[in-house]
Amino acid sequence: MSSRYFTLILLLVTLAVSTTNAAIVYPATVVPAESEATATNPTEAEALAAAREYRESLNAMSGKERRQLKREQRKAVKAALTDYQDASTNTILLVILAILLPPVAVLVHQGEINSKFWIALLLTLLFYLPGLIYALLVIFGNNYKK
């Protein structure tokens, strides 16, 4: 009986002090056009040519078209950030967390408290093994968030 209370208290403390994952995106630096002659490899020269072409296309656009393009680019970056998961590291860490605290692993994987979290919590409190199995199914199951 005391191990259940200890697990519940540990879960609540972990939830209280846990932080969310954040991705840091560094913008690509664009080298000025005069350094194109000093490109050291073909991929660098191609990147510089693409950057020059992009600048020229921006200059040819109207203000409204530029705003629309920037809006689409922001949406694409947000979508890429939400879809990004370093599969090898995140999956290993989630499995370790699932072994220790299955509901917390489900919470970290889902990114919000939803029905999957509550099911994992209930199964873990009733008996540890069903909660662990359910957490592993959530982690290795569907990759979308509900």
Protein backbone atom coordinates (compact mmCIF):
# COMPACT_ATOMS: atom_id res chain seq x y z
CA MET A 1 0.00 0.00 0.00
CA SER A 2 2.79 2.44 0.85
CA SER A 3 4.54 1.78 -2.48
CA ARG A 4 1.44 3.02 -4.31
CA TYR A 5 1.42 6.21 -2.27
CA PHE A 6 5.14 6.63 -2.82
CA THR A 7 4.65 6.17 -6.59
CA LEU A 8 1.80 8.69 -6.61
CA ILE A 9 3.80 11.23 -4.63
CA LEU A 10 6.83 10.69 -6.87
CA LEU A 11 4.62 11.15 -9.93
CA LEU A 12 3.16 14.39 -8.58
CA VAL A 13 6.59 15.75 -7.64
CA THR A 14 7.95 14.82 -11.08
CA LEU A 15 5.04 16.56 -12.78
CA ALA A 16 5.54 19.64 -10.63
CA VAL A 17 9.23 20.05 -11.44
CA SER A 18 9.34 18.69 -14.98
CA THR A 19 10.15 20.92 -17.92
CA THR A 20 8.97 20.65 -21.47
CA ASN A 21 11.20 19.84 -24.42
CA ALA A 22 12.29 22.76 -26.53
CA ALA A 23 13.93 22.84 -29.90
CA ILE A 24 16.44 25.52 -30.79
CA VAL A 25 16.48 26.57 -34.40
CA TYR A 26 19.43 28.53 -35.67
CA PRO A 27 18.77 30.55 -38.81
CA ALA A 28 21.02 29.81 -41.72
CA THR A 29 23.52 32.56 -42.32
CA VAL A 30 23.66 33.93 -45.83
CA VAL A 31 27.12 34.78 -47.05
CA PRO A 32 27.37 37.96 -49.14
CA ALA A 33 27.52 37.55 -52.91
CA GLU A 34 31.17 38.66 -53.22
CA SER A 35 32.34 35.52 -51.39
CA GLU A 36 30.84 33.23 -54.03
CA ALA A 37 34.13 33.20 -55.85
CA THR A 38 35.82 31.77 -52.75
CA ALA A 39 33.42 28.83 -52.31
CA THR A 40 35.47 25.84 -51.28
CA ASN A 41 33.18 23.03 -52.44
CA PRO A 42 30.34 22.53 -54.92
CA THR A 43 27.62 22.30 -52.26
CA GLU A 44 28.71 25.62 -50.77
CA ALA A 45 28.64 27.23 -54.20
CA GLU A 46 25.17 25.79 -54.83
CA ALA A 47 23.96 27.13 -51.48
CA LEU A 48 25.34 30.58 -52.23
CA ALA A 49 23.72 30.57 -55.67
CA ALA A 50 20.40 29.51 -54.14
CA ALA A 51 20.67 32.29 -51.55
CA ARG A 52 21.33 34.87 -54.26
CA GLU A 53 18.39 33.56 -56.29
CA TYR A 54 16.15 33.72 -53.20
CA ARG A 55 17.19 37.34 -52.52
CA GLU A 56 16.44 38.28 -56.12
CA SER A 57 13.02 36.61 -55.96
CA LEU A 58 12.23 38.52 -52.75
CA ASN A 59 13.16 41.80 -54.41
CA ALA A 60 10.82 41.00 -57.30
CA MET A 61 7.84 40.37 -54.97
CA SER A 62 5.40 42.92 -53.69
CA GLY A 63 5.04 43.54 -49.96
CA LYS A 64 1.86 41.49 -49.75
CA GLU A 65 3.47 38.53 -51.53
CA ARG A 66 6.51 38.72 -49.21
CA ARG A 67 4.29 38.70 -46.11
CA GLN A 68 2.37 35.70 -47.47
CA LEU A 69 5.63 33.85 -48.20
CA LYS A 70 6.99 34.60 -44.71
CA ARG A 71 3.70 33.38 -43.19
CA GLU A 72 3.94 30.12 -45.14
CA GLN A 73 7.58 29.71 -44.11
CA ARG A 74 6.70 30.25 -40.43
CA LYS A 75 3.96 27.62 -40.69
CA ALA A 76 6.39 25.19 -42.32
CA VAL A 77 8.99 25.76 -39.59
CA LYS A 78 6.38 25.24 -36.85
CA ALA A 79 5.19 22.04 -38.52
CA ALA A 80 8.77 20.80 -38.83
CA LEU A 81 9.43 21.57 -35.16
CA THR A 82 6.33 19.72 -33.99
CA ASP A 83 7.15 16.74 -36.20
CA TYR A 84 10.79 16.67 -35.14
CA GLN A 85 11.82 13.84 -32.89
CA ASP A 86 15.31 12.50 -32.53
CA ALA A 87 14.11 8.90 -32.66
CA SER A 88 17.14 7.16 -31.22
CA THR A 89 17.69 9.38 -28.19
CA ASN A 90 14.09 10.28 -27.41
CA THR A 91 12.85 6.72 -27.72
CA ILE A 92 15.56 5.34 -25.44
CA LEU A 93 14.89 8.05 -22.85
CA LEU A 94 11.14 7.46 -23.06
CA VAL A 95 11.59 3.71 -22.57
CA ILE A 96 13.77 4.32 -19.50
CA LEU A 97 11.18 6.78 -18.18
CA ALA A 98 8.39 4.29 -18.93
CA ILE A 99 10.17 1.65 -16.87
CA LEU A 100 10.52 4.06 -13.96
CA LEU A 101 7.20 5.96 -14.21
CA PRO A 102 4.88 4.86 -17.02
CA PRO A 103 2.36 7.75 -16.76
CA VAL A 104 5.12 10.36 -16.91
CA ALA A 105 6.54 8.72 -20.04
CA VAL A 106 3.09 8.86 -21.66
CA LEU A 107 2.77 12.52 -20.63
CA VAL A 108 6.15 13.44 -22.11
CA HIS A 109 5.41 11.50 -25.31
CA GLN A 110 1.96 13.02 -25.80
CA GLY A 111 2.94 16.52 -24.69
CA GLU A 112 -0.31 17.07 -22.77
CA ILE A 113 -2.50 15.50 -20.15
CA ASN A 114 -5.07 13.55 -22.12
CA SER A 115 -6.96 10.27 -21.87
CA LYS A 116 -3.86 8.19 -22.60
CA PHE A 117 -2.12 9.71 -19.58
CA TRP A 118 -5.08 8.97 -17.30
CA ILE A 119 -5.32 5.39 -18.56
CA ALA A 120 -1.61 4.87 -17.92
CA LEU A 121 -1.94 6.39 -14.45
CA LEU A 122 -4.91 4.19 -13.57
CA LEU A 123 -3.23 1.03 -14.87
CA THR A 124 -0.02 1.87 -13.01
CA LEU A 125 -1.85 2.52 -9.74
CA LEU A 126 -3.84 -0.70 -10.04
CA PHE A 127 -0.81 -2.77 -10.87
CA TYR A 128 2.53 -1.67 -12.24
CA LEU A 129 2.93 -4.12 -15.14
CA PRO A 130 -0.22 -3.15 -17.13
CA GLY A 131 0.76 0.49 -16.82
CA LEU A 132 4.24 -0.29 -18.13
CA ILE A 133 2.89 -2.32 -21.05
CA TYR A 134 0.39 0.41 -21.93
CA ALA A 135 3.08 3.12 -21.78
CA LEU A 136 5.33 1.11 -24.10
CA LEU A 137 2.42 0.59 -26.49
CA VAL A 138 1.77 4.34 -26.55
CA ILE A 139 5.44 5.14 -27.10
CA PHE A 140 6.01 2.59 -29.85
CA GLY A 141 2.48 2.76 -31.27
CA ASN A 142 1.07 5.61 -33.29
CA ASN A 143 3.33 8.63 -33.72
CA TYR A 144 0.53 11.16 -33.77
CA LYS A 145 -0.78 13.12 -30.80
CA LYS A 146 -4.45 13.04 -29.87
